[in-house]
C-alpha atoms as a PDB file:
ATOM      1  CA  MET A   1      -0.952 137.786 143.092  1.00  0.00           C
ATOM      2  CA  VAL A   2      -3.006 140.843 143.992  1.00  0.00           C
ATOM      3  CA  SER A   3      -3.048 142.012 147.586  1.00  0.00           C
ATOM      4  CA  VAL A   4      -6.354 142.569 149.381  1.00  0.00           C
ATOM      5  CA  PHE A   5      -5.129 146.047 150.154  1.00  0.00           C
ATOM      6  CA  SER A   6      -4.288 146.983 146.527  1.00  0.00           C
ATOM      7  CA  SER A   7      -7.921 146.883 145.435  1.00  0.00           C
ATOM      8  CA  LEU A   8      -9.033 149.159 148.290  1.00  0.00           C
ATOM      9  CA  ARG A   9      -8.697 152.898 148.396  1.00  0.00           C
ATOM     10  CA  PRO A  10      -5.820 154.046 150.679  1.00  0.00           C
ATOM     11  CA  PRO A  11      -8.022 155.174 153.611  1.00  0.00           C
ATOM     12  CA  MET A  12      -9.985 151.910 153.488  1.00  0.00           C
ATOM     13  CA  ALA A  13      -6.774 149.814 153.522  1.00  0.00           C
ATOM     14  CA  GLY A  14      -5.803 151.375 156.861  1.00  0.00           C
ATOM     15  CA  VAL A  15      -9.214 150.574 158.351  1.00  0.00           C
ATOM     16  CA  VAL A  16      -8.973 146.951 157.217  1.00  0.00           C
ATOM     17  CA  ALA A  17      -5.472 146.656 158.698  1.00  0.00           C
ATOM     18  CA  VAL A  18      -6.667 147.993 162.074  1.00  0.00           C
ATOM     19  CA  VAL A  19      -9.658 145.619 162.115  1.00  0.00           C
ATOM     20  CA  LEU A  20      -7.453 142.616 161.247  1.00  0.00           C
ATOM     21  CA  ALA A  21      -4.963 143.552 164.003  1.00  0.00           C
ATOM     22  CA  ALA A  22      -7.804 143.847 166.534  1.00  0.00           C
ATOM     23  CA  LEU A  23      -9.210 140.457 165.535  1.00  0.00           C
ATOM     24  CA  LEU A  24      -5.793 138.821 165.756  1.00  0.00           C
ATOM     25  CA  SER A  25      -5.208 140.344 169.193  1.00  0.00           C
ATOM     26  CA  ALA A  26      -8.605 139.063 170.391  1.00  0.00           C
ATOM     27  CA  CYS A  27      -7.785 135.555 169.171  1.00  0.00           C
ATOM     28  CA  MET A  28      -4.540 135.602 171.177  1.00  0.00           C
ATOM     29  CA  GLY A  29      -6.421 136.471 174.365  1.00  0.00           C
ATOM     30  CA  GLY A  30      -4.207 139.471 175.075  1.00  0.00           C
ATOM     31  CA  ARG A  31      -1.052 137.377 175.467  1.00  0.00           C
ATOM     32  CA  THR A  32       2.220 138.656 174.126  1.00  0.00           C
ATOM     33  CA  ALA A  33       4.292 135.471 174.418  1.00  0.00           C
ATOM     34  CA  LEU A  34       3.637 131.798 173.790  1.00  0.00           C
ATOM     35  CA  PHE A  35       4.490 130.629 177.329  1.00  0.00           C
ATOM     36  CA  GLU A  36       3.390 133.708 179.257  1.00  0.00           C
ATOM     37  CA  ASP A  37       2.131 132.931 182.751  1.00  0.00           C
ATOM     38  CA  GLU A  38      -1.462 133.506 183.670  1.00  0.00           C
ATOM     39  CA  ALA A  39      -2.098 136.854 185.306  1.00  0.00           C
ATOM     40  CA  LYS A  40      -1.212 136.716 188.987  1.00  0.00           C
ATOM     41  CA  PRO A  41      -3.780 137.844 191.512  1.00  0.00           C
ATOM     42  CA  GLU A  42      -3.084 141.156 193.166  1.00  0.00           C
ATOM     43  CA  TRP A  43      -0.616 140.699 196.034  1.00  0.00           C
ATOM     44  CA  LYS A  44      -1.803 141.525 199.532  1.00  0.00           C
ATOM     45  CA  GLU A  45       0.454 141.708 202.567  1.00  0.00           C
ATOM     46  CA  GLY A  46      -0.605 139.667 205.590  1.00  0.00           C
ATOM     47  CA  ALA A  47      -1.431 141.166 208.967  1.00  0.00           C
ATOM     48  CA  LEU A  48       1.438 142.065 211.279  1.00  0.00           C
ATOM     49  CA  GLU A  49       1.939 139.822 214.301  1.00  0.00           C
ATOM     50  CA  LEU A  50       4.903 140.789 216.447  1.00  0.00           C
ATOM     51  CA  PRO A  51       6.912 137.892 217.896  1.00  0.00           C
ATOM     52  CA  PRO A  52       8.144 137.672 221.473  1.00  0.00           C
ATOM     53  CA  LEU A  53      11.475 139.378 222.068  1.00  0.00           C
ATOM     54  CA  PRO A  54      14.370 136.961 221.526  1.00  0.00           C
ATOM     55  CA  PHE A  55      16.303 134.961 224.088  1.00  0.00           C
ATOM     56  CA  GLU A  56      20.086 134.753 223.708  1.00  0.00           C
ATOM     57  CA  LYS A  57      19.892 130.950 223.277  1.00  0.00           C
ATOM     58  CA  ASP A  58      17.689 131.348 220.158  1.00  0.00           C
ATOM     59  CA  LEU A  59      20.027 133.738 218.299  1.00  0.00           C
ATOM     60  CA  ILE A  60      21.785 132.222 215.294  1.00  0.00           C
ATOM     61  CA  PRO A  61      24.879 134.142 214.134  1.00  0.00           C
ATOM     62  CA  PHE A  62      25.613 134.613 210.437  1.00  0.00           C
ATOM     63  CA  HIS A  63      28.665 135.954 208.637  1.00  0.00           C
ATOM     64  CA  VAL A  64      28.226 139.185 206.704  1.00  0.00           C
ATOM     65  CA  SER A  65      31.763 140.228 205.772  1.00  0.00           C
ATOM     66  CA  SER A  66      35.306 139.973 207.027  1.00  0.00           C
ATOM     67  CA  ASN A  67      35.252 143.806 207.155  1.00  0.00           C
ATOM     68  CA  ALA A  68      32.169 143.937 209.409  1.00  0.00           C
ATOM     69  CA  SER A  69      32.923 145.043 212.947  1.00  0.00           C
ATOM     70  CA  ALA A  70      29.426 144.129 214.174  1.00  0.00           C
ATOM     71  CA  ALA A  71      27.984 140.666 214.787  1.00  0.00           C
ATOM     72  CA  PHE A  72      24.693 139.686 213.151  1.00  0.00           C
ATOM     73  CA  TYR A  73      22.063 137.250 214.468  1.00  0.00           C
ATOM     74  CA  VAL A  74      18.660 135.920 213.406  1.00  0.00           C
ATOM     75  CA  ASP A  75      16.266 134.807 216.135  1.00  0.00           C
ATOM     76  CA  GLY A  76      15.330 131.261 215.113  1.00  0.00           C
ATOM     77  CA  ARG A  77      12.051 131.344 217.078  1.00  0.00           C
ATOM     78  CA  SER A  78      10.791 134.413 215.207  1.00  0.00           C
ATOM     79  CA  LEU A  79      11.447 133.117 211.674  1.00  0.00           C
ATOM     80  CA  ARG A  80       8.158 132.796 209.756  1.00  0.00           C
ATOM     81  CA  LEU A  81       7.244 132.196 206.114  1.00  0.00           C
ATOM     82  CA  GLY A  82       3.925 133.862 205.464  1.00  0.00           C
ATOM     83  CA  ASP A  83       1.244 132.857 202.964  1.00  0.00           C
ATOM     84  CA  ASP A  84       1.915 136.269 201.397  1.00  0.00           C
ATOM     85  CA  GLY A  85       5.460 135.199 200.392  1.00  0.00           C
ATOM     86  CA  ILE A  86       7.222 137.225 203.075  1.00  0.00           C
ATOM     87  CA  VAL A  87       9.969 135.796 205.245  1.00  0.00           C
ATOM     88  CA  ARG A  88       9.637 137.522 208.624  1.00  0.00           C
ATOM     89  CA  PHE A  89      12.452 137.479 211.165  1.00  0.00           C
ATOM     90  CA  THR A  90      14.034 139.227 214.130  1.00  0.00           C
ATOM     91  CA  LEU A  91      17.473 140.632 213.429  1.00  0.00           C
ATOM     92  CA  LEU A  92      19.987 141.568 216.130  1.00  0.00           C
ATOM     93  CA  VAL A  93      23.036 143.634 215.230  1.00  0.00           C
ATOM     94  CA  ARG A  94      25.588 143.785 218.035  1.00  0.00           C
ATOM     95  CA  ALA A  95      28.350 146.360 217.661  1.00  0.00           C
ATOM     96  CA  ALA A  96      31.918 145.594 218.755  1.00  0.00           C
ATOM     97  CA  GLY A  97      31.406 147.878 221.778  1.00  0.00           C
ATOM     98  CA  GLY A  98      28.292 145.978 222.864  1.00  0.00           C
ATOM     99  CA  ALA A  99      25.536 148.312 221.628  1.00  0.00           C
ATOM    100  CA  GLU A 100      22.596 146.423 220.111  1.00  0.00           C
ATOM    101  CA  ASN A 101      20.007 147.154 217.448  1.00  0.00           C
ATOM    102  CA  LEU A 102      17.020 144.820 217.462  1.00  0.00           C
ATOM    103  CA  SER A 103      14.462 144.824 214.663  1.00  0.00           C
ATOM    104  CA  TYR A 104      11.599 142.729 213.355  1.00  0.00           C
ATOM    105  CA  GLU A 105      11.670 142.721 209.551  1.00  0.00           C
ATOM    106  CA  GLY A 106      10.261 141.131 206.454  1.00  0.00           C
ATOM    107  CA  MET A 107      11.841 140.113 203.186  1.00  0.00           C
ATOM    108  CA  ARG A 108       9.886 139.602 199.974  1.00  0.00           C
ATOM    109  CA  CYS A 109      11.922 137.342 197.696  1.00  0.00           C
ATOM    110  CA  GLU A 110       9.709 137.902 194.656  1.00  0.00           C
ATOM    111  CA  THR A 111      10.617 141.591 194.506  1.00  0.00           C
ATOM    112  CA  ALA A 112      13.969 141.597 196.374  1.00  0.00           C
ATOM    113  CA  GLU A 113      12.638 144.029 198.960  1.00  0.00           C
ATOM    114  CA  ARG A 114      12.713 144.333 202.726  1.00  0.00           C
ATOM    115  CA  LYS A 115      10.560 146.105 205.274  1.00  0.00           C
ATOM    116  CA  LEU A 116      11.091 147.192 208.862  1.00  0.00           C
ATOM    117  CA  TYR A 117       8.079 146.215 210.987  1.00  0.00           C
ATOM    118  CA  ALA A 118       9.248 147.044 214.501  1.00  0.00           C
ATOM    119  CA  ILE A 119      12.249 148.170 216.527  1.00  0.00           C
ATOM    120  CA  GLY A 120      13.186 146.644 219.855  1.00  0.00           C
ATOM    121  CA  ARG A 121      13.271 149.132 222.699  1.00  0.00           C
ATOM    122  CA  GLY A 122      15.782 147.712 225.107  1.00  0.00           C
ATOM    123  CA  LYS A 123      14.824 144.165 225.914  1.00  0.00           C
ATOM    124  CA  SER A 124      11.297 145.009 226.959  1.00  0.00           C
ATOM    125  CA  GLU A 125       9.059 145.948 223.982  1.00  0.00           C
ATOM    126  CA  TRP A 126       8.553 146.425 220.257  1.00  0.00           C
ATOM    127  CA  VAL A 127       7.948 149.923 218.883  1.00  0.00           C
ATOM    128  CA  LEU A 128       6.454 150.516 215.425  1.00  0.00           C
ATOM    129  CA  PRO A 129       8.587 152.718 213.138  1.00  0.00           C
ATOM    130  CA  ARG A 130       7.320 156.040 211.830  1.00  0.00           C
ATOM    131  CA  ALA A 131       7.816 154.887 208.255  1.00  0.00           C
ATOM    132  CA  ALA A 132       7.424 151.268 207.208  1.00  0.00           C
ATOM    133  CA  GLU A 133       7.920 151.161 203.453  1.00  0.00           C
ATOM    134  CA  TRP A 134       9.260 148.375 201.270  1.00  0.00           C
ATOM    135  CA  GLN A 135      12.862 149.087 200.265  1.00  0.00           C
ATOM    136  CA  ARG A 136      14.967 147.465 197.560  1.00  0.00           C
ATOM    137  CA  ILE A 137      17.698 145.155 198.886  1.00  0.00           C
ATOM    138  CA  SER A 138      21.112 146.239 197.664  1.00  0.00           C
ATOM    139  CA  ASP A 139      24.432 144.546 198.214  1.00  0.00           C
ATOM    140  CA  ASN A 140      26.409 147.443 199.636  1.00  0.00           C
ATOM    141  CA  SER A 141      28.735 147.610 202.635  1.00  0.00           C
ATOM    142  CA  LEU A 142      26.275 149.572 204.773  1.00  0.00           C
ATOM    143  CA  ASN A 143      23.370 147.080 204.660  1.00  0.00           C
ATOM    144  CA  ARG A 144      25.053 143.946 203.392  1.00  0.00           C
ATOM    145  CA  GLN A 145      23.322 141.789 206.024  1.00  0.00           C
ATOM    146  CA  TYR A 146      20.098 141.913 203.980  1.00  0.00           C
ATOM    147  CA  ALA A 147      21.806 140.813 200.774  1.00  0.00           C
ATOM    148  CA  VAL A 148      23.483 137.936 202.637  1.00  0.00           C
ATOM    149  CA  LEU A 149      20.204 136.808 204.201  1.00  0.00           C
ATOM    150  CA  ALA A 150      18.449 136.998 200.836  1.00  0.00           C
ATOM    151  CA  LYS A 151      21.075 135.315 198.660  1.00  0.00           C
ATOM    152  CA  GLU A 152      22.371 132.680 201.046  1.00  0.00           C
ATOM    153  CA  PHE A 153      19.416 131.773 203.239  1.00  0.00           C
ATOM    154  CA  PHE A 154      15.952 133.140 202.460  1.00  0.00           C
ATOM    155  CA  CYS A 155      15.828 133.536 198.659  1.00  0.00           C
ATOM    156  CA  PRO A 156      18.623 131.537 196.989  1.00  0.00           C
ATOM    157  CA  PRO A 157      18.879 132.605 193.315  1.00  0.00           C
ATOM    158  CA  GLY A 158      17.540 130.045 190.855  1.00  0.00           C
ATOM    159  CA  ALA A 159      16.159 127.787 193.570  1.00  0.00           C
ATOM    160  CA  VAL A 160      12.742 127.007 194.964  1.00  0.00           C
ATOM    161  CA  LEU A 161      12.110 128.996 198.118  1.00  0.00           C
ATOM    162  CA  PRO A 162      13.260 126.982 201.118  1.00  0.00           C
ATOM    163  CA  THR A 163      10.983 125.981 203.974  1.00  0.00           C
ATOM    164  CA  ARG A 164      11.360 127.406 207.475  1.00  0.00           C
ATOM    165  CA  ASP A 165      13.211 124.273 208.627  1.00  0.00           C
ATOM    166  CA  GLU A 166      15.544 124.439 205.600  1.00  0.00           C
ATOM    167  CA  ILE A 167      16.339 128.102 206.330  1.00  0.00           C
ATOM    168  CA  LEU A 168      17.064 127.312 209.956  1.00  0.00           C
ATOM    169  CA  GLY A 169      19.281 124.397 208.871  1.00  0.00           C
ATOM    170  CA  LEU A 170      21.202 126.630 206.462  1.00  0.00           C
ATOM    171  CA  LEU A 171      21.679 129.297 209.131  1.00  0.00           C
ATOM    172  CA  ARG A 172      22.829 126.787 211.750  1.00  0.00           C
ATOM    173  CA  SER A 173      25.219 124.980 209.423  1.00  0.00           C
ATOM    174  CA  ALA A 174      26.775 128.270 208.294  1.00  0.00           C
ATOM    175  CA  ALA A 175      26.910 129.771 211.791  1.00  0.00           C
ATOM    176  CA  PRO A 176      30.404 130.558 213.022  1.00  0.00           C
ATOM    177  CA  VAL A 177      31.375 129.083 216.362  1.00  0.00           C
ATOM    178  CA  ARG A 178      30.591 131.579 219.139  1.00  0.00           C
END
Protein backbone atom coordinates (compact mmCIF):
# COMPACT_ATOMS: atom_id res chain seq x y z
CA MET A 1 0.00 0.00 0.00
CA VAL A 2 1.37 3.41 -0.92
CA SER A 3 0.97 6.26 1.53
CA VAL A 4 -0.58 9.54 0.41
CA PHE A 5 2.51 11.24 1.71
CA SER A 6 5.00 9.08 -0.26
CA SER A 7 3.85 10.45 -3.61
CA LEU A 8 4.22 14.07 -2.48
CA ARG A 9 7.43 16.01 -2.28
CA PRO A 10 8.69 16.38 1.33
CA PRO A 11 7.63 20.04 1.78
CA MET A 12 4.15 19.28 0.40
CA ALA A 13 3.71 16.31 2.78
CA GLY A 14 4.15 18.64 5.76
CA VAL A 15 1.52 21.05 4.40
CA VAL A 16 -0.96 18.22 3.89
CA ALA A 17 -0.34 16.96 7.43
CA VAL A 18 -0.99 20.42 8.91
CA VAL A 19 -4.20 20.84 6.87
CA LEU A 20 -5.47 17.39 7.94
CA ALA A 21 -4.71 18.16 11.61
CA ALA A 22 -6.57 21.48 11.36
CA LEU A 23 -9.60 19.79 9.76
CA LEU A 24 -9.65 17.07 12.40
CA SER A 25 -9.44 19.66 15.17
CA ALA A 26 -12.33 21.63 13.63
CA CYS A 27 -14.46 18.47 13.47
CA MET A 28 -13.85 17.86 17.19
CA GLY A 29 -15.10 21.35 18.05
CA GLY A 30 -11.96 22.17 20.04
CA ARG A 31 -12.58 19.44 22.63
CA THR A 32 -9.68 17.48 23.98
CA ALA A 33 -11.59 14.71 25.76
CA LEU A 34 -14.67 12.66 24.97
CA PHE A 35 -16.64 13.68 28.09
CA GLU A 36 -15.25 17.18 28.57
CA ASP A 37 -17.73 19.58 30.14
CA GLU A 38 -19.05 22.51 28.20
CA ALA A 39 -17.14 25.72 28.78
CA LYS A 40 -18.28 27.37 32.00
CA PRO A 41 -19.34 30.98 31.91
CA GLU A 42 -16.93 33.43 33.46
CA TRP A 43 -17.39 33.50 37.24
CA LYS A 44 -18.50 36.76 38.82
CA GLU A 45 -18.57 37.41 42.55
CA GLY A 46 -21.84 38.72 43.97
CA ALA A 47 -22.20 42.07 45.70
CA LEU A 48 -21.15 42.32 49.34
CA GLU A 49 -23.96 42.63 51.89
CA LEU A 50 -22.75 42.76 55.47
CA PRO A 51 -24.90 40.90 58.00
CA PRO A 52 -25.93 42.24 61.40
CA LEU A 53 -23.38 41.65 64.14
CA PRO A 54 -24.00 38.33 65.91
CA PHE A 55 -25.85 37.67 69.14
CA GLU A 56 -24.33 35.16 71.58
CA LYS A 57 -27.41 32.90 71.25
CA ASP A 58 -26.80 32.48 67.48
CA LEU A 59 -23.16 31.36 67.78
CA ILE A 60 -22.58 27.69 66.97
CA PRO A 61 -19.28 26.28 68.30
CA PHE A 62 -17.19 23.89 66.22
CA HIS A 63 -14.16 21.79 67.09
CA VAL A 64 -10.92 22.66 65.33
CA SER A 65 -8.26 20.65 67.16
CA SER A 66 -7.51 19.26 70.58
CA ASN A 67 -4.39 21.48 70.50
CA ALA A 68 -6.38 24.68 69.88
CA SER A 69 -6.49 27.01 72.87
CA ALA A 70 -9.13 29.25 71.26
CA ALA A 71 -12.83 28.52 70.77
CA PHE A 72 -14.38 28.86 67.30
CA TYR A 73 -17.96 29.82 66.43
CA VAL A 74 -20.06 30.38 63.31
CA ASP A 75 -22.99 32.78 63.54
CA GLY A 76 -25.94 30.73 62.27
CA ARG A 77 -27.94 33.84 61.31
CA SER A 78 -25.20 35.12 59.00
CA LEU A 79 -24.68 31.90 57.04
CA ARG A 80 -25.56 32.43 53.35
CA LEU A 81 -25.06 30.42 50.17
CA GLY A 82 -24.78 32.84 47.29
CA ASP A 83 -25.76 32.29 43.67
CA ASP A 84 -22.06 32.86 42.94
CA GLY A 85 -21.13 29.64 44.79
CA ILE A 86 -19.74 31.38 47.87
CA VAL A 87 -20.62 30.32 51.40
CA ARG A 88 -20.59 33.52 53.47
CA PHE A 89 -20.45 33.43 57.26
CA THR A 90 -19.47 35.29 60.41
CA LEU A 91 -16.63 33.68 62.33
CA LEU A 92 -15.85 34.40 65.97
CA VAL A 93 -12.54 33.25 67.46
CA ARG A 94 -12.45 33.58 71.24
CA ALA A 95 -9.03 33.20 72.87
CA ALA A 96 -8.63 31.41 76.20
CA GLY A 97 -8.07 34.79 77.88
CA GLY A 98 -11.33 36.18 76.48
CA ALA A 99 -10.05 38.30 73.58
CA GLU A 100 -12.24 38.01 70.48
CA ASN A 101 -11.69 38.28 66.74
CA LEU A 102 -14.85 38.70 64.69
CA SER A 103 -14.83 38.47 60.91
CA TYR A 104 -17.25 38.15 58.02
CA GLU A 105 -15.80 35.80 55.41
CA GLY A 106 -16.52 33.85 52.28
CA MET A 107 -15.50 30.40 51.15
CA ARG A 108 -15.51 29.29 47.52
CA CYS A 109 -15.70 25.49 47.45
CA GLU A 110 -14.99 25.22 43.72
CA THR A 111 -11.50 26.67 44.15
CA ALA A 112 -10.83 25.88 47.85
CA GLU A 113 -10.32 29.56 48.63
CA ARG A 114 -11.46 31.96 51.31
CA LYS A 115 -11.81 35.71 51.51
CA LEU A 116 -12.05 38.19 54.37
CA TYR A 117 -14.89 40.66 53.74
CA ALA A 118 -15.05 42.58 57.01
CA ILE A 119 -13.65 42.71 60.53
CA GLY A 120 -15.80 43.35 63.58
CA ARG A 121 -14.76 46.40 65.56
CA GLY A 122 -15.83 45.64 69.08
CA LYS A 123 -19.48 44.71 69.07
CA SER A 124 -20.60 47.82 67.26
CA GLU A 125 -19.60 47.83 63.55
CA TRP A 126 -18.02 46.12 60.57
CA VAL A 127 -14.84 47.57 59.06
CA LEU A 128 -13.65 46.66 55.56
CA PRO A 129 -10.09 45.27 55.41
CA ARG A 130 -7.34 47.04 53.48
CA ALA A 131 -6.75 43.95 51.37
CA ALA A 132 -9.53 41.54 50.47
CA GLU A 133 -8.00 38.92 48.19
CA TRP A 134 -8.95 35.29 47.71
CA GLN A 135 -6.51 33.02 49.55
CA ARG A 136 -5.99 29.28 49.20
CA ILE A 137 -7.30 27.25 52.15
CA SER A 138 -4.55 25.16 53.70
CA ASP A 139 -4.80 22.65 56.51
CA ASN A 140 -2.13 23.99 58.82
CA SER A 141 -2.18 24.56 62.57
CA LEU A 142 -2.35 28.36 62.25
CA ASN A 143 -5.56 28.57 60.18
CA ARG A 144 -7.01 25.10 60.59
CA GLN A 145 -10.50 26.49 61.27
CA TYR A 146 -10.94 27.16 57.53
CA ALA A 147 -9.95 23.63 56.54
CA VAL A 148 -12.36 22.21 59.14
CA LEU A 149 -15.22 24.41 57.93
CA ALA A 150 -14.51 23.49 54.31
CA LYS A 151 -14.02 19.73 54.71
CA GLU A 152 -16.59 18.97 57.39
CA PHE A 153 -19.38 21.49 56.85
CA PHE A 154 -19.35 23.75 53.79
CA CYS A 155 -17.64 21.74 51.03
CA PRO A 156 -17.53 18.03 51.91
CA PRO A 157 -15.16 16.24 49.49
CA GLY A 158 -16.90 14.10 46.89
CA ALA A 159 -20.37 15.28 47.88
CA VAL A 160 -22.94 17.64 46.45
CA LEU A 161 -22.73 21.02 48.14
CA PRO A 162 -25.07 21.06 51.13
CA THR A 163 -27.90 23.54 51.54
CA ARG A 164 -27.88 26.23 54.21
CA ASP A 165 -30.16 24.14 56.44
CA GLU A 166 -27.94 21.07 55.97
CA ILE A 167 -24.84 23.08 56.94
CA LEU A 168 -26.57 24.43 60.03
CA GLY A 169 -27.69 20.90 60.93
CA LEU A 170 -24.14 19.57 60.54
CA LEU A 171 -22.73 22.40 62.67
CA ARG A 172 -25.34 21.93 65.40
CA SER A 173 -24.98 18.15 65.53
CA ALA A 174 -21.19 18.40 65.75
CA ALA A 175 -21.21 21.28 68.25
CA PRO A 176 -19.59 20.47 71.57
CA VAL A 177 -21.68 21.12 74.66
CA ARG A 178 -20.98 24.63 75.96
